[in-house]
Every structure is written in structure tokens, then in C-alpha cells.
Amino acid sequence: MSSKEKTKEALQVDTLEQPLNEILLYNDDVNTFDHVIDTLIYACDHTPEQAEQCSIIVHYKGQCTVKTGEYKELEPRCSMLLEAGLSAEII
């Protein structure tokens, strides 16, 4: 195995081992389904179907992971959710 192949393999392993964070959206008694759906479409780039499914899961289960990725990518999205009055956090 050449050193070029070893380097490529090491980079692939590093990429796979990077921990991913999640934005958790929590249920509340204030926001409407339409507001939650519109906000998920805007802040998380969800399709209307994804946003609707997430809002239903949040309603019945109390929380739902709405986006997964690196922290630096999730932070502005989570801020948009919070600014829209939704309850969310990055874990």
C-alpha cells in the first residue's frame, strides 16, 4: 500500500469519525402547526412534507430531531428557530 493510499484512507476515517450534532425541536402550547412548518422550511431547508412530519412528531412525542450536522452549520439554523419563537437546542 502506497503512502498516498494510506493518507487517503486516514482522511476518510477522520471524516467518518467527526461527531455530528442535532437540533432538537420541542413541543410548546404557543406556536401553530403552520408557523412551525413555515419556520422549518425557512430555517432548516425542509421540504413542506418534511416540515409537516416533524411538526406532527413534535406534537405527539414532545420533541424531534429536525437537522443533523456539524455544530458550526447548525448554530445559525437553531438561532433562526429560536428567533421565530420555537423551543430548540443543539445537542
Protein backbone atom coordinates (compact mmCIF):
# COMPACT_ATOMS: atom_id res chain seq x y z
CA MET A 1 0.00 0.00 0.00
CA SER A 2 1.48 3.33 -1.02
CA SER A 3 1.68 6.32 1.30
CA LYS A 4 -0.82 8.13 -0.95
CA GLU A 5 -3.40 5.41 -0.32
CA LYS A 6 -2.71 5.46 3.43
CA THR A 7 -3.22 9.22 3.54
CA LYS A 8 -6.49 8.98 1.62
CA GLU A 9 -7.70 6.22 3.93
CA ALA A 10 -6.78 8.26 7.02
CA LEU A 11 -8.74 11.26 5.71
CA GLN A 12 -11.81 9.11 5.06
CA VAL A 13 -11.67 7.72 8.62
CA ASP A 14 -11.33 11.24 10.09
CA THR A 15 -14.37 12.37 8.10
CA LEU A 16 -16.44 9.46 9.36
CA GLU A 17 -15.40 9.97 12.98
CA GLN A 18 -16.39 13.64 13.23
CA PRO A 19 -19.21 13.82 15.76
CA LEU A 20 -22.47 15.13 14.39
CA ASN A 21 -24.75 17.34 16.41
CA GLU A 22 -28.52 17.56 16.22
CA ILE A 23 -31.07 20.33 16.51
CA LEU A 24 -33.87 19.14 18.76
CA LEU A 25 -37.19 20.93 18.41
CA TYR A 26 -39.51 20.81 21.42
CA ASN A 27 -43.28 20.99 21.65
CA ASP A 28 -44.95 24.06 23.09
CA ASP A 29 -48.51 25.26 23.55
CA VAL A 30 -47.94 28.57 21.77
CA ASN A 31 -46.97 28.05 18.12
CA THR A 32 -49.33 26.83 15.43
CA PHE A 33 -48.59 23.96 13.09
CA ASP A 34 -48.41 26.40 10.17
CA HIS A 35 -45.85 28.59 11.96
CA VAL A 36 -43.68 25.58 12.87
CA ILE A 37 -43.88 24.20 9.32
CA ASP A 38 -43.05 27.56 7.71
CA THR A 39 -40.14 28.09 10.09
CA LEU A 40 -38.67 24.62 9.45
CA ILE A 41 -38.87 25.22 5.71
CA TYR A 42 -37.10 28.56 6.10
CA ALA A 43 -34.52 27.74 8.80
CA CYS A 44 -33.72 24.10 8.09
CA ASP A 45 -34.35 23.88 4.34
CA HIS A 46 -37.02 21.24 4.85
CA THR A 47 -39.47 20.32 2.15
CA PRO A 48 -43.09 21.02 3.10
CA GLU A 49 -43.58 17.28 3.69
CA GLN A 50 -40.53 17.02 5.98
CA ALA A 51 -41.61 20.07 7.95
CA GLU A 52 -45.14 18.74 8.37
CA GLN A 53 -43.89 15.33 9.54
CA CYS A 54 -41.51 16.92 12.04
CA SER A 55 -44.27 19.15 13.42
CA ILE A 56 -46.54 16.13 13.91
CA ILE A 57 -43.76 14.16 15.65
CA VAL A 58 -43.03 17.14 17.92
CA HIS A 59 -46.71 17.46 18.76
CA TYR A 60 -47.19 13.82 19.72
CA LYS A 61 -43.75 12.85 21.06
CA GLY A 62 -42.71 16.17 22.60
CA GLN A 63 -39.51 16.55 20.57
CA CYS A 64 -37.95 15.74 17.22
CA THR A 65 -34.51 15.96 15.64
CA VAL A 66 -35.01 18.41 12.80
CA LYS A 67 -31.43 18.75 11.49
CA THR A 68 -28.14 16.88 11.89
CA GLY A 69 -24.67 18.16 11.08
CA GLU A 70 -21.62 19.94 12.37
CA TYR A 71 -22.17 22.44 15.18
CA LYS A 72 -20.99 25.44 13.13
CA GLU A 73 -23.61 24.65 10.46
CA LEU A 74 -26.41 24.10 12.97
CA GLU A 75 -25.86 27.16 15.15
CA PRO A 76 -27.32 29.76 12.75
CA ARG A 77 -30.24 27.45 11.94
CA CYS A 78 -31.02 26.93 15.62
CA SER A 79 -30.81 30.69 16.17
CA MET A 80 -33.41 31.21 13.43
CA LEU A 81 -35.74 28.73 15.14
CA LEU A 82 -35.31 30.46 18.49
CA GLU A 83 -35.83 33.91 16.97
CA ALA A 84 -39.09 32.63 15.47
CA GLY A 85 -40.27 31.72 18.97
CA LEU A 86 -39.74 27.96 18.78
CA SER A 87 -38.08 25.91 21.51
CA ALA A 88 -34.95 24.23 20.22
CA GLU A 89 -31.41 23.31 21.23
CA ILE A 90 -28.29 21.78 19.73
CA ILE A 91 -27.13 18.55 21.30
